[in-house]
Amino acid sequence: MFTGIVRERGRIVSFDDGKLVLDSTLQPEIGDSVSVDGICLTVTGRDNGRLSFDVMPETLARGKRFRAEVNLEPALRIGDPLGGHYVQGHVDGVGRVRGVDREGDDVRLRIEAPREILRYCIEKGSITIDGVALTITALDDDTFAVALVPHTLAVTTLGAAEPGDEVNLEADVLAKYVERLLPN
């Protein structure tokens, strides 16, 4: 379980045959979960500021390709503040940045998303983009928008987003449960 509050950006060292290695100042134990661009991965190695993870084919099929830098968040622990929203680290699909609009010091991202994700989106509802917990500010038939404040732009990889970039999306898990509980 995560909150979508990114703790740092990690730099990819290598990604070969399903083994991801990255530089990080995080100090998880082997076996701990870390959100890597919104994907819950298990730490399989830790050595001199480098973390290793095994990435399964299912993970590769659902998410975007890793870029040079990734958003990192250690798993939520009992007693930690819940400053974002409930994030599982289970990517639902890939979206594409359609627009990046500057509004003073802030940025508004417009994201094109698959219908199976948009069905869980509501204005002022939660969405996770590359592991970052955000609030939906606008919604239409094939896109949604989020506003990024200067802090988010500085500490996450979303500050470098460009039109055409792919992003990992996780819809609000509470919306999925509500849908499942409603009668057909």
Protein backbone atom coordinates (compact mmCIF):
# COMPACT_ATOMS: atom_id res chain seq x y z
CA MET A 1 0.00 0.00 0.00
CA PHE A 2 1.26 3.46 -0.93
CA THR A 3 0.05 7.05 -0.70
CA GLY A 4 1.26 8.43 -4.03
CA ILE A 5 3.57 10.88 -2.26
CA VAL A 6 6.88 10.44 -4.10
CA ARG A 7 9.93 10.40 -1.81
CA GLU A 8 12.60 10.73 -4.49
CA ARG A 9 13.51 10.24 -8.12
CA GLY A 10 15.72 7.25 -8.83
CA ARG A 11 18.03 6.84 -11.82
CA ILE A 12 17.91 3.61 -13.82
CA VAL A 13 21.32 1.89 -13.95
CA SER A 14 20.23 -1.12 -15.99
CA PHE A 15 17.23 -3.16 -17.06
CA ASP A 16 18.14 -6.51 -18.56
CA ASP A 17 16.24 -9.81 -18.68
CA GLY A 18 13.61 -8.61 -16.20
CA LYS A 19 16.17 -7.36 -13.65
CA LEU A 20 15.83 -3.64 -12.87
CA VAL A 21 18.68 -1.88 -11.05
CA LEU A 22 18.49 1.76 -9.98
CA ASP A 23 20.31 4.31 -7.86
CA SER A 24 18.38 5.43 -4.78
CA THR A 25 18.93 6.85 -1.31
CA LEU A 26 15.94 4.86 0.02
CA GLN A 27 16.87 2.19 2.55
CA PRO A 28 14.30 -0.61 2.16
CA GLU A 29 15.06 -4.15 3.28
CA ILE A 30 15.20 -7.04 0.85
CA GLY A 31 11.61 -8.20 0.45
CA ASP A 32 10.12 -4.73 1.00
CA SER A 33 7.84 -3.14 -1.58
CA VAL A 34 8.74 0.07 -3.40
CA SER A 35 6.58 1.95 -5.89
CA VAL A 36 8.63 2.54 -9.06
CA ASP A 37 6.70 4.91 -11.36
CA GLY A 38 3.54 3.59 -9.73
CA ILE A 39 4.45 -0.10 -10.02
CA CYS A 40 4.72 -2.07 -6.79
CA LEU A 41 8.01 -3.98 -7.00
CA THR A 42 9.78 -6.15 -4.42
CA VAL A 43 13.35 -5.30 -3.48
CA THR A 44 15.57 -8.28 -4.38
CA GLY A 45 18.93 -6.64 -3.74
CA ARG A 46 20.44 -3.58 -2.05
CA ASP A 47 24.07 -2.58 -2.33
CA ASN A 48 25.87 0.78 -2.07
CA GLY A 49 22.89 2.98 -2.97
CA ARG A 50 21.56 0.60 -5.61
CA LEU A 51 18.28 -1.27 -5.46
CA SER A 52 17.42 -4.33 -7.55
CA PHE A 53 13.99 -5.63 -8.53
CA ASP A 54 12.65 -8.51 -10.62
CA VAL A 55 10.05 -7.28 -13.12
CA MET A 56 7.52 -9.87 -14.29
CA PRO A 57 6.14 -10.09 -17.86
CA GLU A 58 2.65 -9.15 -16.51
CA THR A 59 4.13 -5.89 -15.20
CA LEU A 60 5.76 -5.14 -18.54
CA ALA A 61 2.49 -5.83 -20.37
CA ARG A 62 0.49 -3.34 -18.26
CA GLY A 63 2.91 -0.46 -17.82
CA LYS A 64 4.99 1.93 -19.89
CA ARG A 65 8.69 1.42 -20.48
CA PHE A 66 11.01 2.75 -17.80
CA ARG A 67 12.75 6.05 -18.58
CA ALA A 68 16.12 7.22 -17.23
CA GLU A 69 14.47 8.58 -14.04
CA VAL A 70 11.59 7.10 -12.07
CA ASN A 71 9.41 8.19 -9.15
CA LEU A 72 10.06 6.21 -5.96
CA GLU A 73 7.98 5.72 -2.84
CA PRO A 74 8.56 3.15 -0.09
CA ALA A 75 5.53 1.17 1.09
CA LEU A 76 3.31 2.77 3.71
CA ARG A 77 4.03 1.65 7.27
CA ILE A 78 1.68 1.75 10.23
CA GLY A 79 1.85 5.23 11.75
CA ASP A 80 3.00 6.94 8.53
CA PRO A 81 0.93 9.96 7.46
CA LEU A 82 -1.56 9.31 4.68
CA GLY A 83 -1.03 12.52 2.73
CA GLY A 84 -2.09 11.32 -0.72
CA HIS A 85 -4.68 8.64 -1.33
CA TYR A 86 -4.82 4.84 -1.24
CA VAL A 87 -2.53 3.54 -3.98
CA GLN A 88 -1.93 -0.15 -4.55
CA GLY A 89 0.90 0.05 -7.06
CA HIS A 90 -1.13 -2.03 -9.51
CA VAL A 91 -1.03 -0.17 -12.80
CA ASP A 92 -4.35 -0.35 -14.64
CA GLY A 93 -2.98 0.84 -17.97
CA VAL A 94 -0.99 3.38 -19.91
CA GLY A 95 -2.10 6.91 -20.76
CA ARG A 96 -0.53 9.47 -23.04
CA VAL A 97 0.20 13.12 -22.30
CA ARG A 98 -1.92 15.09 -24.74
CA GLY A 99 -1.19 18.58 -23.43
CA VAL A 100 1.08 20.50 -21.05
CA ASP A 101 -0.26 23.96 -20.26
CA ARG A 102 1.58 26.44 -18.04
CA GLU A 103 -0.60 28.44 -15.64
CA GLY A 104 1.82 30.75 -13.82
CA ASP A 105 4.10 28.52 -11.76
CA ASP A 106 1.73 25.57 -12.09
CA VAL A 107 1.23 23.12 -14.95
CA ARG A 108 -1.96 21.51 -16.15
CA LEU A 109 -1.49 18.08 -17.73
CA ARG A 110 -4.14 16.66 -20.02
CA ILE A 111 -3.91 12.87 -20.21
CA GLU A 112 -5.52 10.65 -22.83
CA ALA A 113 -6.63 7.47 -21.08
CA PRO A 114 -8.29 4.18 -22.02
CA ARG A 115 -12.04 3.97 -21.41
CA GLU A 116 -11.52 1.19 -18.84
CA ILE A 117 -9.68 3.72 -16.69
CA LEU A 118 -11.81 6.78 -17.48
CA ARG A 119 -14.90 4.94 -16.18
CA TYR A 120 -13.45 5.29 -12.67
CA CYS A 121 -12.59 8.97 -13.02
CA ILE A 122 -14.64 11.83 -11.64
CA GLU A 123 -13.86 15.52 -11.37
CA LYS A 124 -12.17 16.15 -7.99
CA GLY A 125 -11.55 12.39 -7.71
CA SER A 126 -8.22 10.63 -7.32
CA ILE A 127 -5.88 9.27 -10.01
CA THR A 128 -2.29 8.07 -9.82
CA ILE A 129 0.08 9.05 -12.66
CA ASP A 130 3.53 7.41 -12.61
CA GLY A 131 3.03 6.80 -8.89
CA VAL A 132 2.01 10.39 -8.09
CA ALA A 133 -1.33 10.87 -6.28
CA LEU A 134 -3.26 13.64 -8.01
CA THR A 135 -6.73 15.17 -8.17
CA ILE A 136 -8.65 15.21 -11.43
CA THR A 137 -9.50 18.83 -12.33
CA ALA A 138 -11.38 18.22 -15.60
CA LEU A 139 -12.79 15.27 -17.48
CA ASP A 140 -14.21 14.60 -20.94
CA ASP A 141 -14.87 11.56 -23.14
CA ASP A 142 -11.25 10.53 -23.70
CA THR A 143 -9.05 12.67 -21.43
CA PHE A 144 -8.72 14.00 -17.92
CA ALA A 145 -6.65 16.88 -16.55
CA VAL A 146 -4.61 17.34 -13.37
CA ALA A 147 -2.89 20.41 -11.95
CA LEU A 148 0.74 20.17 -10.82
CA VAL A 149 2.03 22.63 -8.23
CA PRO A 150 5.70 23.72 -8.21
CA HIS A 151 6.64 21.20 -5.49
CA THR A 152 5.27 18.27 -7.53
CA LEU A 153 7.00 19.58 -10.64
CA ALA A 154 10.33 19.73 -8.77
CA VAL A 155 10.31 16.38 -6.94
CA THR A 156 8.69 14.07 -9.50
CA THR A 157 9.38 13.14 -13.10
CA LEU A 158 6.10 14.79 -14.15
CA GLY A 159 7.90 18.14 -14.32
CA ALA A 160 9.58 16.90 -17.52
CA ALA A 161 6.37 15.55 -19.13
CA GLU A 162 5.95 16.34 -22.82
CA PRO A 163 3.04 15.76 -25.21
CA GLY A 164 3.20 12.20 -26.49
CA ASP A 165 4.89 10.77 -23.36
CA GLU A 166 3.38 7.58 -21.95
CA VAL A 167 2.44 7.45 -18.26
CA ASN A 168 1.37 4.67 -15.90
CA LEU A 169 -2.17 5.09 -14.61
CA GLU A 170 -3.86 3.61 -11.56
CA ALA A 171 -7.52 4.43 -11.05
CA ASP A 172 -8.96 4.99 -7.59
CA VAL A 173 -9.29 1.55 -5.96
CA LEU A 174 -12.36 2.68 -3.99
CA ALA A 175 -14.23 3.33 -7.26
CA LYS A 176 -13.40 -0.21 -8.41
CA TYR A 177 -14.79 -1.70 -5.20
CA VAL A 178 -17.97 0.37 -5.41
CA GLU A 179 -18.54 -0.81 -8.98
CA ARG A 180 -17.96 -4.44 -7.97
CA LEU A 181 -20.46 -4.19 -5.10
CA LEU A 182 -23.25 -2.62 -7.16
CA PRO A 183 -25.86 -5.03 -8.56
CA ASN A 184 -25.66 -5.61 -12.30
